[in-house]
Amino acid sequence: MAGLVDSLRETITPEDGLSLVAGRDGQIVGHVMFTRSLLDAPRRLVEVHVFSPLAVLPGYHKRGIGSALVRKGLKAVAQRGVPLVFLEGDPGYYSRFGFTPGGDLGFRKPSLRIPDSAFQAIRLPEYKPWMTGTLVYAEPFWRHDSVGLRDPSA
């Protein structure tokens, strides 16, 4: 995961992407990233963001740190005019922030290895109804084999 984070960090510019940290007692205890990807919509390519990864040190779980990072990040990317944010994750956790299964919203996942329920999206204020199609992950996700789940028996 550290390799993916380092590669994604290289793609973040002041205008594009977002990396947030949470600190306690001078120590970084949480981190979240939002990175640029594309939605291959019928009308044109749309710049969207992928929310990944989110991490909080184990000793700081269940204290609202992850939730605060997610909320602050979503607010920041919405203010930048990002229309959609996608993620792979637990729908039981991320639904509290407004994420819903991407397939139910007319989006196609970038890999068949992603479980349908884990492929989630949230539409932000700049979203338009014509913005449907296939999510295209940024190259670092593929390079680090961080898309979906691998079948260990294959």
N, C-alpha and C. Protein backbone atom coordinates (compact mmCIF):
# COMPACT_ATOMS: atom_id res chain seq x y z
N MET A 1 0.82 -1.19 0.00
CA MET A 1 0.00 0.00 0.00
C MET A 1 0.87 1.26 0.00
N ALA A 2 2.01 1.21 0.66
CA ALA A 2 2.87 2.39 0.72
C ALA A 2 3.35 2.79 -0.67
N GLY A 3 3.64 1.81 -1.53
CA GLY A 3 4.05 2.11 -2.90
C GLY A 3 2.95 2.81 -3.67
N LEU A 4 1.72 2.35 -3.50
CA LEU A 4 0.59 3.00 -4.16
C LEU A 4 0.44 4.43 -3.67
N VAL A 5 0.51 4.64 -2.38
CA VAL A 5 0.38 5.99 -1.81
C VAL A 5 1.46 6.90 -2.37
N ASP A 6 2.70 6.42 -2.43
CA ASP A 6 3.79 7.24 -2.96
C ASP A 6 3.54 7.59 -4.42
N SER A 7 3.10 6.63 -5.22
CA SER A 7 2.83 6.88 -6.64
C SER A 7 1.67 7.85 -6.82
N LEU A 8 0.60 7.67 -6.04
CA LEU A 8 -0.54 8.57 -6.14
C LEU A 8 -0.17 9.98 -5.70
N ARG A 9 0.65 10.08 -4.67
CA ARG A 9 1.07 11.40 -4.17
C ARG A 9 1.75 12.20 -5.28
N GLU A 10 2.50 11.50 -6.16
CA GLU A 10 3.19 12.17 -7.26
C GLU A 10 2.20 12.77 -8.27
N THR A 11 0.96 12.28 -8.31
CA THR A 11 -0.03 12.78 -9.28
C THR A 11 -0.80 13.99 -8.75
N ILE A 12 -0.67 14.28 -7.48
CA ILE A 12 -1.45 15.36 -6.88
C ILE A 12 -0.76 16.70 -7.13
N THR A 13 -1.55 17.64 -7.63
CA THR A 13 -1.08 19.01 -7.84
C THR A 13 -1.97 19.93 -7.02
N PRO A 14 -1.61 21.20 -6.88
CA PRO A 14 -2.48 22.11 -6.14
C PRO A 14 -3.88 22.22 -6.72
N GLU A 15 -4.04 21.99 -8.04
CA GLU A 15 -5.34 22.08 -8.67
C GLU A 15 -6.07 20.74 -8.74
N ASP A 16 -5.37 19.65 -8.58
CA ASP A 16 -5.93 18.34 -8.86
C ASP A 16 -5.52 17.33 -7.79
N GLY A 17 -6.51 16.70 -7.20
CA GLY A 17 -6.25 15.71 -6.17
C GLY A 17 -6.16 16.36 -4.80
N LEU A 18 -6.13 15.50 -3.80
CA LEU A 18 -6.13 16.00 -2.43
C LEU A 18 -5.55 14.93 -1.51
N SER A 19 -4.71 15.34 -0.60
CA SER A 19 -4.16 14.46 0.42
C SER A 19 -4.33 15.17 1.76
N LEU A 20 -5.04 14.53 2.69
CA LEU A 20 -5.28 15.11 4.00
C LEU A 20 -4.73 14.20 5.09
N VAL A 21 -4.22 14.80 6.15
CA VAL A 21 -3.77 14.03 7.30
C VAL A 21 -4.46 14.54 8.56
N ALA A 22 -4.55 13.65 9.54
CA ALA A 22 -5.06 14.01 10.87
C ALA A 22 -3.95 13.75 11.87
N GLY A 23 -3.78 14.65 12.80
CA GLY A 23 -2.73 14.50 13.79
C GLY A 23 -3.26 14.56 15.20
N ARG A 24 -2.57 13.88 16.09
CA ARG A 24 -2.84 13.91 17.52
C ARG A 24 -1.49 13.89 18.25
N ASP A 25 -1.30 14.80 19.14
CA ASP A 25 -0.08 14.85 19.95
C ASP A 25 1.19 14.83 19.09
N GLY A 26 1.16 15.59 17.98
CA GLY A 26 2.33 15.70 17.13
C GLY A 26 2.59 14.50 16.23
N GLN A 27 1.67 13.56 16.17
CA GLN A 27 1.84 12.35 15.37
C GLN A 27 0.73 12.27 14.33
N ILE A 28 1.07 11.88 13.11
CA ILE A 28 0.05 11.65 12.09
C ILE A 28 -0.66 10.34 12.42
N VAL A 29 -1.99 10.41 12.57
CA VAL A 29 -2.75 9.22 12.95
C VAL A 29 -3.76 8.80 11.88
N GLY A 30 -3.95 9.64 10.86
CA GLY A 30 -4.89 9.30 9.80
C GLY A 30 -4.52 9.99 8.51
N HIS A 31 -4.93 9.38 7.39
CA HIS A 31 -4.61 9.92 6.08
C HIS A 31 -5.68 9.50 5.08
N VAL A 32 -5.99 10.39 4.15
CA VAL A 32 -6.92 10.08 3.06
C VAL A 32 -6.42 10.77 1.79
N MET A 33 -6.67 10.12 0.64
CA MET A 33 -6.31 10.71 -0.65
C MET A 33 -7.49 10.67 -1.60
N PHE A 34 -7.57 11.71 -2.41
CA PHE A 34 -8.51 11.79 -3.51
C PHE A 34 -7.66 12.09 -4.74
N THR A 35 -7.69 11.21 -5.74
CA THR A 35 -6.84 11.40 -6.91
C THR A 35 -7.68 11.43 -8.18
N ARG A 36 -7.17 12.11 -9.17
CA ARG A 36 -7.85 12.29 -10.45
C ARG A 36 -7.91 10.98 -11.22
N SER A 37 -9.08 10.70 -11.76
CA SER A 37 -9.29 9.62 -12.70
C SER A 37 -10.27 10.14 -13.74
N LEU A 38 -10.71 9.25 -14.63
CA LEU A 38 -11.61 9.67 -15.69
C LEU A 38 -12.86 8.81 -15.71
N LEU A 39 -13.96 9.41 -16.11
CA LEU A 39 -15.18 8.68 -16.40
C LEU A 39 -15.34 8.74 -17.91
N ASP A 40 -15.40 7.57 -18.55
CA ASP A 40 -15.57 7.49 -20.00
C ASP A 40 -17.06 7.57 -20.29
N ALA A 41 -17.57 8.79 -20.34
CA ALA A 41 -18.99 9.04 -20.59
C ALA A 41 -19.23 9.12 -22.09
N PRO A 42 -20.46 8.82 -22.54
CA PRO A 42 -20.75 8.87 -23.98
C PRO A 42 -20.47 10.23 -24.62
N ARG A 43 -20.73 11.32 -23.90
CA ARG A 43 -20.55 12.66 -24.47
C ARG A 43 -19.07 13.05 -24.55
N ARG A 44 -18.32 12.75 -23.48
CA ARG A 44 -16.88 13.10 -23.42
C ARG A 44 -16.28 12.50 -22.16
N LEU A 45 -14.95 12.53 -22.06
CA LEU A 45 -14.29 12.13 -20.83
C LEU A 45 -14.57 13.17 -19.76
N VAL A 46 -14.81 12.71 -18.54
CA VAL A 46 -15.11 13.60 -17.42
C VAL A 46 -14.07 13.35 -16.34
N GLU A 47 -13.46 14.43 -15.87
CA GLU A 47 -12.52 14.30 -14.76
C GLU A 47 -13.29 14.08 -13.48
N VAL A 48 -12.97 12.98 -12.80
CA VAL A 48 -13.60 12.61 -11.53
C VAL A 48 -12.48 12.33 -10.54
N HIS A 49 -12.84 11.98 -9.32
CA HIS A 49 -11.83 11.60 -8.34
C HIS A 49 -12.12 10.21 -7.79
N VAL A 50 -11.04 9.54 -7.42
CA VAL A 50 -11.12 8.26 -6.72
C VAL A 50 -10.63 8.51 -5.30
N PHE A 51 -11.41 8.04 -4.38
CA PHE A 51 -11.13 8.19 -2.96
C PHE A 51 -10.45 6.90 -2.50
N SER A 52 -9.16 6.99 -2.26
CA SER A 52 -8.40 5.83 -1.81
C SER A 52 -6.95 6.25 -1.69
N PRO A 53 -6.28 5.82 -0.70
CA PRO A 53 -6.75 5.04 0.44
C PRO A 53 -7.15 5.94 1.61
N LEU A 54 -7.82 5.32 2.56
CA LEU A 54 -8.13 5.92 3.86
C LEU A 54 -7.48 5.03 4.90
N ALA A 55 -6.71 5.63 5.79
CA ALA A 55 -6.05 4.84 6.83
C ALA A 55 -6.03 5.63 8.14
N VAL A 56 -6.28 4.92 9.23
CA VAL A 56 -6.19 5.48 10.57
C VAL A 56 -5.43 4.46 11.41
N LEU A 57 -4.47 4.92 12.19
CA LEU A 57 -3.71 4.00 13.04
C LEU A 57 -4.66 3.22 13.95
N PRO A 58 -4.40 1.93 14.13
CA PRO A 58 -5.33 1.09 14.91
C PRO A 58 -5.69 1.64 16.29
N GLY A 59 -4.77 2.23 16.99
CA GLY A 59 -5.06 2.77 18.32
C GLY A 59 -5.99 3.96 18.31
N TYR A 60 -6.29 4.48 17.12
CA TYR A 60 -7.15 5.65 16.99
C TYR A 60 -8.46 5.34 16.28
N HIS A 61 -8.75 4.07 16.05
CA HIS A 61 -10.02 3.68 15.43
C HIS A 61 -11.18 4.04 16.37
N LYS A 62 -12.35 4.20 15.77
CA LYS A 62 -13.60 4.45 16.50
C LYS A 62 -13.59 5.79 17.26
N ARG A 63 -12.80 6.74 16.76
CA ARG A 63 -12.77 8.07 17.39
C ARG A 63 -13.25 9.16 16.43
N GLY A 64 -13.74 8.77 15.27
CA GLY A 64 -14.26 9.73 14.31
C GLY A 64 -13.22 10.37 13.40
N ILE A 65 -11.99 9.91 13.49
CA ILE A 65 -10.92 10.51 12.69
C ILE A 65 -11.12 10.21 11.21
N GLY A 66 -11.39 8.95 10.88
CA GLY A 66 -11.63 8.59 9.48
C GLY A 66 -12.83 9.33 8.92
N SER A 67 -13.91 9.38 9.69
CA SER A 67 -15.12 10.08 9.24
C SER A 67 -14.84 11.55 8.99
N ALA A 68 -14.09 12.18 9.86
CA ALA A 68 -13.77 13.60 9.68
C ALA A 68 -12.93 13.81 8.42
N LEU A 69 -11.98 12.92 8.16
CA LEU A 69 -11.17 13.04 6.95
C LEU A 69 -12.02 12.89 5.69
N VAL A 70 -12.93 11.91 5.71
CA VAL A 70 -13.80 11.70 4.55
C VAL A 70 -14.67 12.93 4.31
N ARG A 71 -15.31 13.41 5.35
CA ARG A 71 -16.21 14.57 5.19
C ARG A 71 -15.46 15.81 4.70
N LYS A 72 -14.31 16.07 5.29
CA LYS A 72 -13.52 17.23 4.89
C LYS A 72 -13.05 17.08 3.44
N GLY A 73 -12.62 15.89 3.06
CA GLY A 73 -12.17 15.65 1.70
C GLY A 73 -13.29 15.81 0.68
N LEU A 74 -14.47 15.25 0.98
CA LEU A 74 -15.59 15.37 0.06
C LEU A 74 -16.00 16.84 -0.11
N LYS A 75 -16.00 17.58 0.97
CA LYS A 75 -16.34 19.00 0.90
C LYS A 75 -15.33 19.75 0.03
N ALA A 76 -14.06 19.45 0.21
CA ALA A 76 -13.02 20.14 -0.54
C ALA A 76 -13.09 19.84 -2.03
N VAL A 77 -13.28 18.57 -2.41
CA VAL A 77 -13.33 18.26 -3.85
C VAL A 77 -14.63 18.79 -4.47
N ALA A 78 -15.71 18.83 -3.71
CA ALA A 78 -16.95 19.42 -4.22
C ALA A 78 -16.75 20.91 -4.50
N GLN A 79 -16.04 21.60 -3.61
CA GLN A 79 -15.78 23.03 -3.80
C GLN A 79 -14.90 23.28 -5.02
N ARG A 80 -14.13 22.28 -5.42
CA ARG A 80 -13.28 22.40 -6.61
C ARG A 80 -14.04 22.07 -7.89
N GLY A 81 -15.29 21.68 -7.77
CA GLY A 81 -16.10 21.40 -8.95
C GLY A 81 -16.02 19.97 -9.45
N VAL A 82 -15.49 19.06 -8.65
CA VAL A 82 -15.45 17.65 -9.03
C VAL A 82 -16.88 17.12 -9.01
N PRO A 83 -17.35 16.48 -10.10
CA PRO A 83 -18.74 16.04 -10.13
C PRO A 83 -19.02 14.69 -9.46
N LEU A 84 -18.02 13.84 -9.40
CA LEU A 84 -18.20 12.48 -8.89
C LEU A 84 -16.96 12.00 -8.17
N VAL A 85 -17.19 11.19 -7.13
CA VAL A 85 -16.09 10.51 -6.44
C VAL A 85 -16.45 9.03 -6.38
N PHE A 86 -15.48 8.19 -6.71
CA PHE A 86 -15.65 6.74 -6.69
C PHE A 86 -14.73 6.12 -5.65
N LEU A 87 -15.10 4.93 -5.20
CA LEU A 87 -14.23 4.17 -4.29
C LEU A 87 -14.55 2.69 -4.38
N GLU A 88 -13.63 1.89 -3.87
CA GLU A 88 -13.86 0.47 -3.63
C GLU A 88 -13.83 0.32 -2.11
N GLY A 89 -14.92 -0.18 -1.53
CA GLY A 89 -14.92 -0.30 -0.09
C GLY A 89 -16.20 -0.89 0.46
N ASP A 90 -16.27 -0.94 1.77
CA ASP A 90 -17.38 -1.53 2.50
C ASP A 90 -18.60 -0.61 2.43
N PRO A 91 -19.68 -1.07 1.78
CA PRO A 91 -20.87 -0.21 1.69
C PRO A 91 -21.48 0.09 3.05
N GLY A 92 -21.30 -0.79 4.01
CA GLY A 92 -21.82 -0.53 5.35
C GLY A 92 -21.16 0.67 6.01
N TYR A 93 -19.91 0.92 5.68
CA TYR A 93 -19.19 2.06 6.25
C TYR A 93 -19.41 3.32 5.41
N TYR A 94 -19.23 3.22 4.10
CA TYR A 94 -19.23 4.41 3.26
C TYR A 94 -20.61 4.95 2.93
N SER A 95 -21.65 4.16 3.13
CA SER A 95 -23.00 4.67 2.86
C SER A 95 -23.35 5.85 3.78
N ARG A 96 -22.75 5.91 4.96
CA ARG A 96 -23.04 7.03 5.88
C ARG A 96 -22.60 8.38 5.33
N PHE A 97 -21.74 8.36 4.30
CA PHE A 97 -21.27 9.61 3.69
C PHE A 97 -22.01 9.92 2.40
N GLY A 98 -22.94 9.04 2.02
CA GLY A 98 -23.71 9.27 0.80
C GLY A 98 -23.28 8.42 -0.39
N PHE A 99 -22.29 7.55 -0.20
CA PHE A 99 -21.88 6.66 -1.29
C PHE A 99 -22.93 5.57 -1.50
N THR A 100 -23.18 5.24 -2.75
CA THR A 100 -24.11 4.18 -3.10
C THR A 100 -23.46 3.31 -4.17
N PRO A 101 -23.97 2.10 -4.39
CA PRO A 101 -23.38 1.24 -5.42
C PRO A 101 -23.36 1.95 -6.78
N GLY A 102 -22.18 2.00 -7.38
CA GLY A 102 -22.02 2.71 -8.65
C GLY A 102 -22.87 2.14 -9.77
N GLY A 103 -23.03 0.82 -9.79
CA GLY A 103 -23.86 0.20 -10.82
C GLY A 103 -25.29 0.67 -10.77
N ASP A 104 -25.80 0.92 -9.58
CA ASP A 104 -27.18 1.40 -9.43
C ASP A 104 -27.35 2.82 -9.97
N LEU A 105 -26.23 3.55 -10.12
CA LEU A 105 -26.28 4.93 -10.61
C LEU A 105 -25.92 5.03 -12.09
N GLY A 106 -25.72 3.88 -12.75
CA GLY A 106 -25.41 3.88 -14.18
C GLY A 106 -23.94 3.89 -14.52
N PHE A 107 -23.08 3.56 -13.54
CA PHE A 107 -21.64 3.54 -13.79
C PHE A 107 -21.16 2.09 -13.93
N ARG A 108 -20.12 1.92 -14.73
CA ARG A 108 -19.49 0.61 -14.88
C ARG A 108 -18.13 0.63 -14.21
N LYS A 109 -17.84 -0.45 -13.51
CA LYS A 109 -16.58 -0.54 -12.78
C LYS A 109 -15.43 -0.81 -13.75
N PRO A 110 -14.22 -0.40 -13.37
CA PRO A 110 -13.07 -0.55 -14.26
C PRO A 110 -12.52 -1.97 -14.34
N SER A 111 -12.97 -2.85 -13.46
CA SER A 111 -12.48 -4.24 -13.47
C SER A 111 -13.57 -5.16 -12.95
N LEU A 112 -13.66 -6.33 -13.55
CA LEU A 112 -14.62 -7.34 -13.08
C LEU A 112 -14.22 -7.90 -11.72
N ARG A 113 -12.98 -7.66 -11.29
CA ARG A 113 -12.53 -8.15 -9.98
C ARG A 113 -13.11 -7.34 -8.82
N ILE A 114 -13.72 -6.22 -9.11
CA ILE A 114 -14.31 -5.39 -8.06
C ILE A 114 -15.71 -5.92 -7.77
N PRO A 115 -15.99 -6.34 -6.53
CA PRO A 115 -17.35 -6.77 -6.21
C PRO A 115 -18.35 -5.63 -6.46
N ASP A 116 -19.52 -5.99 -6.99
CA ASP A 116 -20.52 -4.96 -7.31
C ASP A 116 -20.82 -4.06 -6.11
N SER A 117 -20.98 -4.65 -4.94
CA SER A 117 -21.34 -3.85 -3.76
C SER A 117 -20.20 -2.93 -3.32
N ALA A 118 -18.96 -3.29 -3.63
CA ALA A 118 -17.81 -2.48 -3.22
C ALA A 118 -17.57 -1.30 -4.15
N PHE A 119 -18.06 -1.37 -5.38
CA PHE A 119 -17.89 -0.29 -6.35
C PHE A 119 -18.93 0.78 -6.05
N GLN A 120 -18.48 1.90 -5.46
CA GLN A 120 -19.40 2.92 -4.97
C GLN A 120 -19.07 4.29 -5.53
N ALA A 121 -20.10 5.12 -5.57
CA ALA A 121 -19.93 6.48 -6.09
C ALA A 121 -20.79 7.44 -5.28
N ILE A 122 -20.40 8.69 -5.31
CA ILE A 122 -21.21 9.76 -4.75
C ILE A 122 -21.25 10.88 -5.79
N ARG A 123 -22.45 11.36 -6.05
CA ARG A 123 -22.63 12.47 -6.99
C ARG A 123 -22.57 13.77 -6.19
N LEU A 124 -21.72 14.68 -6.65
CA LEU A 124 -21.53 15.98 -6.00
C LEU A 124 -22.29 17.05 -6.80
N PRO A 125 -22.39 18.27 -6.30
CA PRO A 125 -23.23 19.29 -6.94
C PRO A 125 -22.96 19.54 -8.44
N GLU A 126 -21.74 19.36 -8.92
CA GLU A 126 -21.44 19.61 -10.33
C GLU A 126 -21.81 18.44 -11.25
N TYR A 127 -22.34 17.36 -10.68
CA TYR A 127 -22.76 16.21 -11.48
C TYR A 127 -23.91 16.59 -12.40
N LYS A 128 -23.88 16.06 -13.62
CA LYS A 128 -24.95 16.23 -14.60
C LYS A 128 -25.47 14.84 -15.00
N PRO A 129 -26.77 14.70 -15.28
CA PRO A 129 -27.34 13.39 -15.60
C PRO A 129 -26.68 12.64 -16.76
N TRP A 130 -26.07 13.34 -17.71
CA TRP A 130 -25.42 12.67 -18.83
C TRP A 130 -24.10 12.01 -18.42
N MET A 131 -23.62 12.29 -17.23
CA MET A 131 -22.34 11.73 -16.76
C MET A 131 -22.54 10.30 -16.27
N THR A 132 -22.55 9.38 -17.21
CA THR A 132 -22.62 7.95 -16.93
C THR A 132 -21.48 7.32 -17.70
N GLY A 133 -21.23 6.05 -17.48
CA GLY A 133 -20.19 5.38 -18.25
C GLY A 133 -19.27 4.57 -17.37
N THR A 134 -18.07 4.35 -17.87
CA THR A 134 -17.09 3.48 -17.23
C THR A 134 -16.01 4.30 -16.53
N LEU A 135 -15.75 3.96 -15.29
CA LEU A 135 -14.65 4.58 -14.56
C LEU A 135 -13.33 4.04 -15.10
N VAL A 136 -12.39 4.94 -15.35
CA VAL A 136 -11.05 4.58 -15.80
C VAL A 136 -10.07 5.01 -14.71
N TYR A 137 -9.54 4.03 -13.98
CA TYR A 137 -8.60 4.35 -12.91
C TYR A 137 -7.31 4.95 -13.46
N ALA A 138 -6.70 5.81 -12.65
CA ALA A 138 -5.38 6.34 -12.96
C ALA A 138 -4.37 5.19 -12.98
N GLU A 139 -3.33 5.37 -13.74
CA GLU A 139 -2.32 4.33 -13.97
C GLU A 139 -1.72 3.74 -12.70
N PRO A 140 -1.43 4.51 -11.64
CA PRO A 140 -0.81 3.90 -10.46
C PRO A 140 -1.63 2.76 -9.84
N PHE A 141 -2.95 2.82 -9.91
CA PHE A 141 -3.75 1.73 -9.36
C PHE A 141 -3.46 0.42 -10.08
N TRP A 142 -3.26 0.49 -11.39
CA TRP A 142 -2.97 -0.71 -12.18
C TRP A 142 -1.53 -1.17 -11.94
N ARG A 143 -0.59 -0.23 -11.93
CA ARG A 143 0.83 -0.58 -11.74
C ARG A 143 1.05 -1.30 -10.42
N HIS A 144 0.30 -0.91 -9.39
CA HIS A 144 0.47 -1.52 -8.07
C HIS A 144 -0.54 -2.64 -7.82
N ASP A 145 -1.24 -3.06 -8.87
CA ASP A 145 -2.21 -4.15 -8.79
C ASP A 145 -3.17 -3.93 -7.62
N SER A 146 -3.70 -2.71 -7.55
CA SER A 146 -4.60 -2.32 -6.45
C SER A 146 -6.02 -2.10 -6.94
N VAL A 147 -6.44 -2.91 -7.88
CA VAL A 147 -7.80 -2.82 -8.42
C VAL A 147 -8.50 -4.13 -8.12
N GLY A 148 -9.59 -4.06 -7.37
CA GLY A 148 -10.37 -5.26 -7.11
C GLY A 148 -9.65 -6.29 -6.26
N LEU A 149 -10.19 -7.49 -6.29
CA LEU A 149 -9.65 -8.60 -5.50
C LEU A 149 -9.09 -9.67 -6.40
N ARG A 150 -7.93 -10.17 -6.09
CA ARG A 150 -7.31 -11.26 -6.83
C ARG A 150 -7.84 -12.59 -6.29
N ASP A 151 -8.03 -13.55 -7.19
CA ASP A 151 -8.45 -14.90 -6.80
C ASP A 151 -7.20 -15.69 -6.47
N PRO A 152 -6.97 -16.00 -5.19
CA PRO A 152 -5.73 -16.70 -4.81
C PRO A 152 -5.65 -18.12 -5.38
N SER A 153 -6.78 -18.69 -5.78
CA SER A 153 -6.75 -20.06 -6.32
C SER A 153 -6.55 -20.10 -7.83
N ALA A 154 -6.48 -18.92 -8.46
CA ALA A 154 -6.33 -18.88 -9.94
C ALA A 154 -4.89 -19.14 -10.35
